Amino acid sequence: MAESTHKAEVVARAEALVEPLVRAEGFELIDLQYAREPQGWVVRLFIDRPGHDPMSREGGVGLDECAAVSHAVETALEVEDLVPHAYSLEVSSPGLERPLRTAAHFARAVGEAISVKARGVRVRGVVQAVGDDTFTLLTDAGEEHTISYAEVVQARTVFEWGGSPKQAAKKQAAKQAEKSAPKQRAKGRKKETVRR
């Protein structure tokens, strides 16, 4: 069996098994990853509280919550024997830059900046609208892109450090203008004394 087919099969079966267990603990399964890494195979769960604002310091997921979900999930994974070899189970919050996989994930991201890798295109923009089969992005250049969920290879929210993209672009342009402007010499001479 090809490794990619094996991975997709394990992810699909693990999601079906794990999602109700995560929900029973009071959390939402944001993403499930299964990958071979240098230290071996890893099953990685990203969980959050339903409706939690990632920018809020209140009500997120802490270490105790991750441990509780890990305990709830690990036995079920072992009993079902979904992974045919040794693996590590990791449970964490998705952080500020969250993976987007479902239409519900994209719906929660309306008005937010996201980065999308779809078949044949990489685009970054703000989610304008979502439908049953597609979503629409508006790029900083003002271009609209309507993308089918089926075409998405990878998508995630983008955390804007230092304000909105437009503010960041203005700051960058000001820095560039400052660098390229000729420096004026101050009148008079300054003397530096270096003592050794």
N, C-alpha and C. Protein backbone atom coordinates (compact mmCIF):
# COMPACT_ATOMS: atom_id res chain seq x y z
N MET A 1 0.86 -1.18 0.00
CA MET A 1 0.00 0.00 0.00
C MET A 1 0.90 1.23 0.00
N ALA A 2 0.60 2.19 -0.85
CA ALA A 2 1.38 3.42 -0.92
C ALA A 2 1.25 4.18 0.40
N GLU A 3 2.35 4.86 0.79
CA GLU A 3 2.34 5.56 2.08
C GLU A 3 1.27 6.63 2.16
N SER A 4 1.04 7.38 1.07
CA SER A 4 0.02 8.43 1.11
C SER A 4 -1.38 7.85 1.28
N THR A 5 -1.65 6.72 0.65
CA THR A 5 -2.94 6.05 0.80
C THR A 5 -3.09 5.54 2.23
N HIS A 6 -2.02 4.98 2.75
CA HIS A 6 -2.02 4.49 4.14
C HIS A 6 -2.30 5.63 5.10
N LYS A 7 -1.63 6.76 4.93
CA LYS A 7 -1.82 7.92 5.81
C LYS A 7 -3.27 8.41 5.75
N ALA A 8 -3.79 8.57 4.55
CA ALA A 8 -5.17 9.06 4.39
C ALA A 8 -6.17 8.12 5.04
N GLU A 9 -5.94 6.82 4.91
CA GLU A 9 -6.83 5.83 5.51
C GLU A 9 -6.78 5.89 7.04
N VAL A 10 -5.58 6.01 7.60
CA VAL A 10 -5.44 6.08 9.06
C VAL A 10 -6.09 7.36 9.58
N VAL A 11 -5.87 8.49 8.89
CA VAL A 11 -6.45 9.76 9.32
C VAL A 11 -7.98 9.68 9.31
N ALA A 12 -8.55 9.16 8.24
CA ALA A 12 -10.01 9.08 8.14
C ALA A 12 -10.59 8.19 9.24
N ARG A 13 -9.99 7.03 9.47
CA ARG A 13 -10.49 6.12 10.50
C ARG A 13 -10.27 6.71 11.90
N ALA A 14 -9.12 7.34 12.12
CA ALA A 14 -8.83 7.93 13.43
C ALA A 14 -9.76 9.10 13.74
N GLU A 15 -10.04 9.93 12.74
CA GLU A 15 -10.97 11.05 12.96
C GLU A 15 -12.35 10.54 13.36
N ALA A 16 -12.83 9.51 12.65
CA ALA A 16 -14.15 8.96 12.97
C ALA A 16 -14.19 8.40 14.39
N LEU A 17 -13.09 7.82 14.84
CA LEU A 17 -13.02 7.25 16.18
C LEU A 17 -12.84 8.33 17.25
N VAL A 18 -11.97 9.29 16.99
CA VAL A 18 -11.54 10.26 17.99
C VAL A 18 -12.51 11.43 18.18
N GLU A 19 -13.14 11.88 17.11
CA GLU A 19 -13.98 13.08 17.19
C GLU A 19 -15.06 12.99 18.27
N PRO A 20 -15.82 11.90 18.36
CA PRO A 20 -16.84 11.84 19.43
C PRO A 20 -16.22 11.82 20.83
N LEU A 21 -15.04 11.24 20.97
CA LEU A 21 -14.37 11.20 22.28
C LEU A 21 -13.91 12.59 22.69
N VAL A 22 -13.39 13.34 21.73
CA VAL A 22 -12.95 14.72 21.99
C VAL A 22 -14.17 15.57 22.36
N ARG A 23 -15.25 15.41 21.60
CA ARG A 23 -16.48 16.16 21.85
C ARG A 23 -17.04 15.83 23.25
N ALA A 24 -16.96 14.56 23.66
CA ALA A 24 -17.45 14.15 24.98
C ALA A 24 -16.65 14.81 26.11
N GLU A 25 -15.41 15.17 25.82
CA GLU A 25 -14.57 15.87 26.81
C GLU A 25 -14.85 17.37 26.81
N GLY A 26 -15.72 17.84 25.88
CA GLY A 26 -16.08 19.25 25.83
C GLY A 26 -15.24 20.08 24.88
N PHE A 27 -14.59 19.42 23.94
CA PHE A 27 -13.71 20.12 23.00
C PHE A 27 -14.10 19.80 21.56
N GLU A 28 -13.48 20.53 20.66
CA GLU A 28 -13.68 20.33 19.23
C GLU A 28 -12.37 19.86 18.63
N LEU A 29 -12.44 18.86 17.76
CA LEU A 29 -11.26 18.40 17.05
C LEU A 29 -11.04 19.33 15.86
N ILE A 30 -9.99 20.12 15.91
CA ILE A 30 -9.69 21.07 14.84
C ILE A 30 -8.95 20.37 13.71
N ASP A 31 -8.01 19.50 14.05
CA ASP A 31 -7.23 18.81 13.03
C ASP A 31 -6.65 17.53 13.62
N LEU A 32 -6.41 16.56 12.77
CA LEU A 32 -5.74 15.34 13.14
C LEU A 32 -4.69 15.09 12.07
N GLN A 33 -3.46 14.92 12.49
CA GLN A 33 -2.37 14.67 11.55
C GLN A 33 -1.72 13.34 11.89
N TYR A 34 -1.26 12.67 10.87
CA TYR A 34 -0.55 11.41 11.02
C TYR A 34 0.65 11.50 10.11
N ALA A 35 1.83 11.46 10.69
CA ALA A 35 3.02 11.70 9.87
C ALA A 35 4.21 10.89 10.39
N ARG A 36 5.11 10.60 9.46
CA ARG A 36 6.39 10.00 9.83
C ARG A 36 7.39 11.14 9.97
N GLU A 37 7.98 11.24 11.14
CA GLU A 37 8.95 12.28 11.42
C GLU A 37 10.26 11.61 11.80
N PRO A 38 11.35 12.35 11.93
CA PRO A 38 12.64 11.72 12.23
C PRO A 38 12.62 10.82 13.47
N GLN A 39 11.83 11.15 14.48
CA GLN A 39 11.77 10.34 15.69
C GLN A 39 10.76 9.20 15.58
N GLY A 40 10.05 9.08 14.47
CA GLY A 40 9.09 8.00 14.29
C GLY A 40 7.71 8.53 13.89
N TRP A 41 6.71 7.66 13.93
CA TRP A 41 5.35 8.03 13.55
C TRP A 41 4.68 8.82 14.66
N VAL A 42 3.87 9.82 14.27
CA VAL A 42 3.17 10.68 15.22
C VAL A 42 1.71 10.81 14.82
N VAL A 43 0.82 10.65 15.79
CA VAL A 43 -0.59 11.00 15.62
C VAL A 43 -0.76 12.27 16.44
N ARG A 44 -1.12 13.37 15.76
CA ARG A 44 -1.19 14.68 16.41
C ARG A 44 -2.60 15.22 16.33
N LEU A 45 -3.19 15.54 17.50
CA LEU A 45 -4.53 16.12 17.56
C LEU A 45 -4.42 17.58 17.96
N PHE A 46 -5.18 18.42 17.28
CA PHE A 46 -5.31 19.83 17.66
C PHE A 46 -6.75 20.03 18.11
N ILE A 47 -6.91 20.48 19.36
CA ILE A 47 -8.23 20.64 19.94
C ILE A 47 -8.44 22.07 20.42
N ASP A 48 -9.71 22.46 20.53
CA ASP A 48 -10.05 23.75 21.10
C ASP A 48 -11.45 23.67 21.67
N ARG A 49 -11.80 24.68 22.44
CA ARG A 49 -13.17 24.77 22.95
C ARG A 49 -14.05 25.28 21.82
N PRO A 50 -15.24 24.72 21.65
CA PRO A 50 -16.13 25.20 20.58
C PRO A 50 -16.39 26.70 20.73
N GLY A 51 -16.22 27.43 19.63
CA GLY A 51 -16.50 28.86 19.61
C GLY A 51 -15.45 29.72 20.27
N HIS A 52 -14.32 29.14 20.69
CA HIS A 52 -13.27 29.92 21.36
C HIS A 52 -12.58 30.86 20.37
N ASP A 53 -12.40 32.11 20.80
CA ASP A 53 -11.67 33.11 20.01
C ASP A 53 -10.17 32.92 20.27
N PRO A 54 -9.38 32.59 19.24
CA PRO A 54 -7.95 32.34 19.46
C PRO A 54 -7.19 33.56 19.99
N MET A 55 -7.76 34.74 19.82
CA MET A 55 -7.09 35.95 20.30
C MET A 55 -7.39 36.22 21.77
N SER A 56 -8.32 35.48 22.35
CA SER A 56 -8.69 35.67 23.75
C SER A 56 -7.77 34.86 24.65
N ARG A 57 -7.40 35.43 25.76
CA ARG A 57 -6.57 34.70 26.73
C ARG A 57 -7.42 33.81 27.63
N GLU A 58 -8.71 34.03 27.59
CA GLU A 58 -9.63 33.29 28.46
C GLU A 58 -10.22 32.10 27.71
N GLY A 59 -10.37 30.99 28.44
CA GLY A 59 -11.14 29.86 27.93
C GLY A 59 -10.47 29.01 26.87
N GLY A 60 -9.16 29.09 26.75
CA GLY A 60 -8.47 28.28 25.76
C GLY A 60 -8.20 26.88 26.26
N VAL A 61 -7.22 26.24 25.69
CA VAL A 61 -6.85 24.88 26.04
C VAL A 61 -5.49 24.92 26.72
N GLY A 62 -5.43 24.31 27.90
CA GLY A 62 -4.18 24.24 28.65
C GLY A 62 -3.65 22.83 28.70
N LEU A 63 -2.58 22.66 29.44
CA LEU A 63 -1.93 21.37 29.57
C LEU A 63 -2.85 20.31 30.19
N ASP A 64 -3.61 20.70 31.20
CA ASP A 64 -4.52 19.74 31.84
C ASP A 64 -5.58 19.24 30.87
N GLU A 65 -6.10 20.14 30.04
CA GLU A 65 -7.12 19.75 29.06
C GLU A 65 -6.53 18.81 28.01
N CYS A 66 -5.32 19.12 27.56
CA CYS A 66 -4.66 18.25 26.57
C CYS A 66 -4.42 16.86 27.15
N ALA A 67 -4.01 16.81 28.42
CA ALA A 67 -3.77 15.51 29.08
C ALA A 67 -5.07 14.72 29.19
N ALA A 68 -6.16 15.38 29.54
CA ALA A 68 -7.45 14.70 29.67
C ALA A 68 -7.89 14.10 28.33
N VAL A 69 -7.75 14.87 27.26
CA VAL A 69 -8.13 14.37 25.94
C VAL A 69 -7.20 13.24 25.52
N SER A 70 -5.92 13.38 25.80
CA SER A 70 -4.97 12.32 25.46
C SER A 70 -5.35 11.01 26.14
N HIS A 71 -5.70 11.06 27.40
CA HIS A 71 -6.10 9.85 28.13
C HIS A 71 -7.39 9.28 27.55
N ALA A 72 -8.32 10.12 27.16
CA ALA A 72 -9.59 9.65 26.60
C ALA A 72 -9.40 8.97 25.25
N VAL A 73 -8.42 9.43 24.50
CA VAL A 73 -8.23 8.98 23.12
C VAL A 73 -7.27 7.79 23.01
N GLU A 74 -6.22 7.77 23.84
CA GLU A 74 -5.15 6.79 23.64
C GLU A 74 -5.63 5.34 23.73
N THR A 75 -6.51 5.03 24.66
CA THR A 75 -6.99 3.66 24.80
C THR A 75 -7.80 3.24 23.58
N ALA A 76 -8.65 4.14 23.10
CA ALA A 76 -9.46 3.81 21.91
C ALA A 76 -8.58 3.56 20.70
N LEU A 77 -7.54 4.36 20.53
CA LEU A 77 -6.63 4.16 19.40
C LEU A 77 -5.91 2.81 19.51
N GLU A 78 -5.52 2.45 20.72
CA GLU A 78 -4.83 1.17 20.92
C GLU A 78 -5.77 -0.01 20.68
N VAL A 79 -6.99 0.07 21.20
CA VAL A 79 -7.95 -1.03 21.05
C VAL A 79 -8.29 -1.24 19.57
N GLU A 80 -8.50 -0.16 18.85
CA GLU A 80 -8.84 -0.26 17.42
C GLU A 80 -7.64 -0.62 16.55
N ASP A 81 -6.43 -0.44 17.09
CA ASP A 81 -5.19 -0.80 16.38
C ASP A 81 -5.13 -0.18 14.98
N LEU A 82 -5.41 1.13 14.92
CA LEU A 82 -5.42 1.83 13.63
C LEU A 82 -4.03 2.04 13.05
N VAL A 83 -3.05 2.19 13.91
CA VAL A 83 -1.68 2.44 13.46
C VAL A 83 -0.90 1.15 13.61
N PRO A 84 -0.41 0.60 12.50
CA PRO A 84 0.19 -0.73 12.53
C PRO A 84 1.62 -0.78 13.08
N HIS A 85 2.12 0.30 13.64
CA HIS A 85 3.47 0.33 14.19
C HIS A 85 3.52 1.31 15.37
N ALA A 86 4.66 1.39 16.01
CA ALA A 86 4.81 2.29 17.16
C ALA A 86 4.60 3.74 16.73
N TYR A 87 3.98 4.53 17.60
CA TYR A 87 3.74 5.95 17.31
C TYR A 87 3.65 6.73 18.60
N SER A 88 3.78 8.04 18.49
CA SER A 88 3.58 8.94 19.63
C SER A 88 2.26 9.65 19.42
N LEU A 89 1.54 9.89 20.51
CA LEU A 89 0.30 10.64 20.47
C LEU A 89 0.57 12.01 21.06
N GLU A 90 0.27 13.05 20.31
CA GLU A 90 0.44 14.43 20.77
C GLU A 90 -0.92 15.13 20.71
N VAL A 91 -1.25 15.87 21.75
CA VAL A 91 -2.49 16.64 21.79
C VAL A 91 -2.12 18.07 22.18
N SER A 92 -2.57 19.04 21.38
CA SER A 92 -2.27 20.44 21.70
C SER A 92 -3.36 21.36 21.16
N SER A 93 -3.25 22.63 21.53
CA SER A 93 -4.15 23.63 20.96
C SER A 93 -3.61 23.98 19.57
N PRO A 94 -4.45 24.50 18.71
CA PRO A 94 -3.99 24.81 17.35
C PRO A 94 -3.15 26.10 17.28
N GLY A 95 -3.15 26.90 18.33
CA GLY A 95 -2.37 28.14 18.29
C GLY A 95 -3.09 29.23 17.54
N LEU A 96 -2.37 30.30 17.24
CA LEU A 96 -2.98 31.45 16.56
C LEU A 96 -3.23 31.20 15.08
N GLU A 97 -2.32 30.49 14.43
CA GLU A 97 -2.49 30.19 13.01
C GLU A 97 -3.07 28.79 12.90
N ARG A 98 -4.40 28.76 12.72
CA ARG A 98 -5.15 27.51 12.78
C ARG A 98 -5.35 26.88 11.41
N PRO A 99 -5.27 25.56 11.36
CA PRO A 99 -5.57 24.89 10.10
C PRO A 99 -7.06 25.01 9.78
N LEU A 100 -7.37 25.15 8.51
CA LEU A 100 -8.76 25.22 8.04
C LEU A 100 -8.98 24.01 7.13
N ARG A 101 -9.90 23.14 7.52
CA ARG A 101 -10.15 21.94 6.73
C ARG A 101 -11.59 21.79 6.31
N THR A 102 -12.50 22.29 7.12
CA THR A 102 -13.92 22.07 6.83
C THR A 102 -14.60 23.39 6.48
N ALA A 103 -15.78 23.29 5.90
CA ALA A 103 -16.56 24.49 5.58
C ALA A 103 -16.84 25.30 6.86
N ALA A 104 -17.06 24.60 7.98
CA ALA A 104 -17.30 25.30 9.25
C ALA A 104 -16.07 26.08 9.69
N HIS A 105 -14.88 25.51 9.47
CA HIS A 105 -13.64 26.24 9.80
C HIS A 105 -13.55 27.52 8.98
N PHE A 106 -13.84 27.44 7.68
CA PHE A 106 -13.76 28.62 6.81
C PHE A 106 -14.83 29.63 7.21
N ALA A 107 -16.02 29.16 7.61
CA ALA A 107 -17.09 30.07 8.01
C ALA A 107 -16.67 30.89 9.23
N ARG A 108 -15.96 30.24 10.17
CA ARG A 108 -15.48 30.97 11.35
C ARG A 108 -14.38 31.96 11.00
N ALA A 109 -13.73 31.78 9.85
CA ALA A 109 -12.62 32.65 9.45
C ALA A 109 -13.06 33.82 8.56
N VAL A 110 -14.37 34.00 8.35
CA VAL A 110 -14.83 35.14 7.53
C VAL A 110 -14.32 36.44 8.17
N GLY A 111 -13.70 37.26 7.33
CA GLY A 111 -13.13 38.52 7.80
C GLY A 111 -11.69 38.41 8.27
N GLU A 112 -11.14 37.19 8.29
CA GLU A 112 -9.77 36.97 8.73
C GLU A 112 -8.85 36.72 7.54
N ALA A 113 -7.57 37.02 7.74
CA ALA A 113 -6.55 36.74 6.73
C ALA A 113 -6.20 35.26 6.80
N ILE A 114 -6.11 34.62 5.63
CA ILE A 114 -5.72 33.22 5.57
C ILE A 114 -4.73 33.02 4.43
N SER A 115 -4.03 31.91 4.49
CA SER A 115 -3.12 31.50 3.43
C SER A 115 -3.63 30.16 2.91
N VAL A 116 -3.71 30.03 1.59
CA VAL A 116 -4.27 28.82 0.99
C VAL A 116 -3.33 28.29 -0.06
N LYS A 117 -3.10 26.98 0.00
CA LYS A 117 -2.40 26.28 -1.05
C LYS A 117 -3.45 25.37 -1.68
N ALA A 118 -3.80 25.67 -2.92
CA ALA A 118 -4.78 24.87 -3.65
C ALA A 118 -4.09 24.33 -4.90
N ARG A 119 -4.75 23.46 -5.60
CA ARG A 119 -4.15 22.89 -6.81
C ARG A 119 -3.74 24.00 -7.77
N GLY A 120 -2.43 24.12 -7.95
CA GLY A 120 -1.92 25.07 -8.93
C GLY A 120 -1.83 26.52 -8.46
N VAL A 121 -2.19 26.82 -7.22
CA VAL A 121 -2.16 28.22 -6.79
C VAL A 121 -1.87 28.32 -5.29
N ARG A 122 -1.13 29.35 -4.94
CA ARG A 122 -0.95 29.75 -3.54
C ARG A 122 -1.46 31.17 -3.46
N VAL A 123 -2.34 31.42 -2.51
CA VAL A 123 -2.92 32.76 -2.40
C VAL A 123 -3.13 33.09 -0.93
N ARG A 124 -3.01 34.38 -0.66
CA ARG A 124 -3.24 34.89 0.69
C ARG A 124 -4.23 36.03 0.58
N GLY A 125 -5.23 36.01 1.47
CA GLY A 125 -6.22 37.07 1.42
C GLY A 125 -7.16 36.96 2.60
N VAL A 126 -8.20 37.77 2.56
CA VAL A 126 -9.20 37.80 3.62
C VAL A 126 -10.44 37.05 3.13
N VAL A 127 -10.95 36.15 3.96
CA VAL A 127 -12.14 35.38 3.59
C VAL A 127 -13.32 36.34 3.55
N GLN A 128 -13.98 36.40 2.38
CA GLN A 128 -15.12 37.30 2.19
C GLN A 128 -16.45 36.59 2.34
N ALA A 129 -16.51 35.36 1.82
CA ALA A 129 -17.77 34.62 1.84
C ALA A 129 -17.48 33.13 1.79
N VAL A 130 -18.40 32.35 2.34
CA VAL A 130 -18.28 30.90 2.28
C VAL A 130 -19.61 30.31 1.82
N GLY A 131 -19.50 29.23 1.07
CA GLY A 131 -20.69 28.52 0.62
C GLY A 131 -20.55 27.05 0.95
N ASP A 132 -21.44 26.25 0.41
CA ASP A 132 -21.40 24.81 0.67
C ASP A 132 -20.18 24.15 0.04
N ASP A 133 -19.77 24.63 -1.14
CA ASP A 133 -18.68 23.99 -1.88
C ASP A 133 -17.47 24.88 -2.11
N THR A 134 -17.63 26.21 -1.93
CA THR A 134 -16.54 27.15 -2.23
C THR A 134 -16.47 28.25 -1.17
N PHE A 135 -15.34 28.96 -1.20
CA PHE A 135 -15.17 30.17 -0.39
C PHE A 135 -14.49 31.21 -1.27
N THR A 136 -14.64 32.49 -0.90
CA THR A 136 -14.08 33.58 -1.68
C THR A 136 -13.10 34.38 -0.83
N LEU A 137 -11.93 34.62 -1.44
CA LEU A 137 -10.88 35.42 -0.79
C LEU A 137 -10.71 36.73 -1.54
N LEU A 138 -10.37 37.79 -0.81
CA LEU A 138 -10.00 39.07 -1.40
C LEU A 138 -8.55 39.31 -1.02
N THR A 139 -7.66 39.40 -2.04
CA THR A 139 -6.24 39.60 -1.78
C THR A 139 -5.96 41.07 -1.51
N ASP A 140 -4.76 41.36 -1.01
CA ASP A 140 -4.34 42.75 -0.77
C ASP A 140 -4.34 43.55 -2.07
N ALA A 141 -4.16 42.88 -3.20
CA ALA A 141 -4.16 43.55 -4.50
C ALA A 141 -5.57 43.82 -5.00
N GLY A 142 -6.58 43.39 -4.24
CA GLY A 142 -7.96 43.63 -4.62
C GLY A 142 -8.55 42.57 -5.54
N GLU A 143 -7.85 41.46 -5.73
CA GLU A 143 -8.35 40.39 -6.59
C GLU A 143 -9.21 39.43 -5.78
N GLU A 144 -10.31 38.98 -6.37
CA GLU A 144 -11.17 37.99 -5.73
C GLU A 144 -10.86 36.62 -6.29
N HIS A 145 -10.73 35.64 -5.40
CA HIS A 145 -10.51 34.26 -5.79
C HIS A 145 -11.59 33.41 -5.15
N THR A 146 -12.31 32.65 -5.97
CA THR A 146 -13.28 31.69 -5.46
C THR A 146 -12.65 30.32 -5.61
N ILE A 147 -12.55 29.62 -4.49
CA ILE A 147 -11.83 28.35 -4.46
C ILE A 147 -12.75 27.26 -3.90
N SER A 148 -12.72 26.12 -4.54
CA SER A 148 -13.49 24.96 -4.09
C SER A 148 -12.77 24.30 -2.92
N TYR A 149 -13.51 23.88 -1.91
CA TYR A 149 -12.91 23.18 -0.78
C TYR A 149 -12.15 21.95 -1.26
N ALA A 150 -12.67 21.28 -2.29
CA ALA A 150 -12.05 20.07 -2.81
C ALA A 150 -10.66 20.34 -3.39
N GLU A 151 -10.39 21.58 -3.81
CA GLU A 151 -9.09 21.93 -4.39
C GLU A 151 -8.05 22.29 -3.33
N VAL A 152 -8.48 22.51 -2.10
CA VAL A 152 -7.56 22.97 -1.05
C VAL A 152 -6.64 21.83 -0.62
N VAL A 153 -5.35 22.09 -0.70
CA VAL A 153 -4.34 21.16 -0.23
C VAL A 153 -4.02 21.48 1.23
N GLN A 154 -3.89 22.78 1.51
CA GLN A 154 -3.61 23.24 2.87
C GLN A 154 -4.11 24.67 3.01
N ALA A 155 -4.69 24.98 4.16
CA ALA A 155 -5.14 26.34 4.44
C ALA A 155 -5.02 26.60 5.94
N ARG A 156 -4.69 27.84 6.28
CA ARG A 156 -4.61 28.20 7.69
C ARG A 156 -4.80 29.68 7.86
N THR A 157 -5.27 30.08 9.05
CA THR A 157 -5.38 31.50 9.35
C THR A 157 -3.99 32.07 9.46
N VAL A 158 -3.88 33.37 9.24
CA VAL A 158 -2.59 34.05 9.32
C VAL A 158 -2.68 35.11 10.41
N PHE A 159 -1.81 35.00 11.39
CA PHE A 159 -1.78 36.00 12.46
C PHE A 159 -0.95 37.18 11.96
N GLU A 160 -1.53 38.37 12.00
CA GLU A 160 -0.85 39.58 11.54
C GLU A 160 -0.12 40.23 12.70
N TRP A 161 1.18 40.12 12.72
CA TRP A 161 1.98 40.78 13.74
C TRP A 161 2.03 42.26 13.43
N GLY A 162 1.71 43.11 14.39
CA GLY A 162 1.85 44.55 14.20
C GLY A 162 0.69 45.19 13.46
N GLY A 163 -0.49 44.64 13.52
CA GLY A 163 -1.66 45.29 12.93
C GLY A 163 -2.10 44.65 11.64
N SER A 164 -2.97 45.38 10.95
CA SER A 164 -3.54 44.85 9.72
C SER A 164 -2.50 44.81 8.61
N PRO A 165 -2.74 44.04 7.54
CA PRO A 165 -1.79 43.97 6.44
C PRO A 165 -1.54 45.35 5.82
N LYS A 166 -2.59 46.16 5.75
CA LYS A 166 -2.41 47.48 5.15
C LYS A 166 -1.51 48.35 6.02
N GLN A 167 -1.68 48.27 7.35
CA GLN A 167 -0.81 49.03 8.24
C GLN A 167 0.63 48.55 8.11
N ALA A 168 0.81 47.25 8.05
CA ALA A 168 2.15 46.70 7.91
C ALA A 168 2.78 47.14 6.59
N ALA A 169 2.00 47.17 5.51
CA ALA A 169 2.51 47.61 4.21
C ALA A 169 2.92 49.07 4.25
N LYS A 170 2.13 49.90 4.93
CA LYS A 170 2.48 51.32 5.06
C LYS A 170 3.78 51.49 5.83
N LYS A 171 3.94 50.73 6.92
CA LYS A 171 5.17 50.81 7.69
C LYS A 171 6.37 50.38 6.86
N GLN A 172 6.20 49.31 6.08
CA GLN A 172 7.28 48.81 5.23
C GLN A 172 7.65 49.84 4.18
N ALA A 173 6.65 50.49 3.57
CA ALA A 173 6.91 51.52 2.55
C ALA A 173 7.64 52.71 3.17
N ALA A 174 7.26 53.10 4.39
CA ALA A 174 7.92 54.22 5.06
C ALA A 174 9.37 53.88 5.37
N LYS A 175 9.63 52.64 5.82
CA LYS A 175 11.01 52.23 6.09
C LYS A 175 11.84 52.24 4.81
N GLN A 176 11.24 51.75 3.71
CA GLN A 176 11.95 51.71 2.43
C GLN A 176 12.27 53.12 1.96
N ALA A 177 11.31 54.04 2.09
CA ALA A 177 11.53 55.43 1.68
C ALA A 177 12.63 56.07 2.53
N GLU A 178 12.64 55.76 3.81
CA GLU A 178 13.66 56.30 4.71
C GLU A 178 15.05 55.80 4.33
N LYS A 179 15.15 54.53 3.95
CA LYS A 179 16.45 53.96 3.56
C LYS A 179 16.97 54.58 2.27
N SER A 180 16.06 54.83 1.33
CA SER A 180 16.50 55.31 0.02
C SER A 180 16.66 56.83 -0.03
N ALA A 181 16.15 57.55 0.96
CA ALA A 181 16.28 59.02 0.97
C ALA A 181 17.72 59.39 1.29
N PRO A 182 18.24 60.44 0.59
CA PRO A 182 19.61 60.87 0.89
C PRO A 182 19.67 61.43 2.32
N LYS A 183 20.74 61.07 3.01
CA LYS A 183 20.89 61.54 4.39
C LYS A 183 21.46 62.95 4.37
N GLN A 184 20.88 63.79 5.20
CA GLN A 184 21.38 65.16 5.30
C GLN A 184 22.47 65.18 6.35
N ARG A 185 23.50 65.98 6.05
CA ARG A 185 24.60 66.12 6.99
C ARG A 185 24.24 67.18 8.01
N ALA A 186 24.54 66.88 9.20
CA ALA A 186 24.30 67.85 10.26
C ALA A 186 25.36 68.94 10.17
N LYS A 187 24.95 70.17 10.44
CA LYS A 187 25.91 71.26 10.44
C LYS A 187 26.81 71.12 11.65
N GLY A 188 28.01 71.50 11.46
CA GLY A 188 28.97 71.40 12.55
C GLY A 188 29.60 70.02 12.55
N ARG A 189 30.60 69.88 13.37
CA ARG A 189 31.31 68.63 13.42
C ARG A 189 31.11 68.00 14.78
N LYS A 190 30.99 66.72 14.77
CA LYS A 190 30.90 65.99 16.02
C LYS A 190 32.22 65.28 16.23
N LYS A 191 32.64 65.29 17.45
CA LYS A 191 33.90 64.66 17.75
C LYS A 191 33.65 63.51 18.70
N GLU A 192 34.21 62.38 18.35
CA GLU A 192 34.11 61.23 19.21
C GLU A 192 35.47 60.95 19.82
N THR A 193 35.48 60.69 21.05
CA THR A 193 36.72 60.36 21.72
C THR A 193 36.65 58.92 22.16
N VAL A 194 37.63 58.17 21.75
CA VAL A 194 37.69 56.78 22.14
C VAL A 194 38.87 56.62 23.07
N ARG A 195 38.63 56.14 24.25
CA ARG A 195 39.69 55.92 25.22
C ARG A 195 39.99 54.45 25.30
N ARG A 196 41.27 54.20 25.36
CA ARG A 196 41.68 52.80 25.45
C ARG A 196 42.34 52.52 26.75
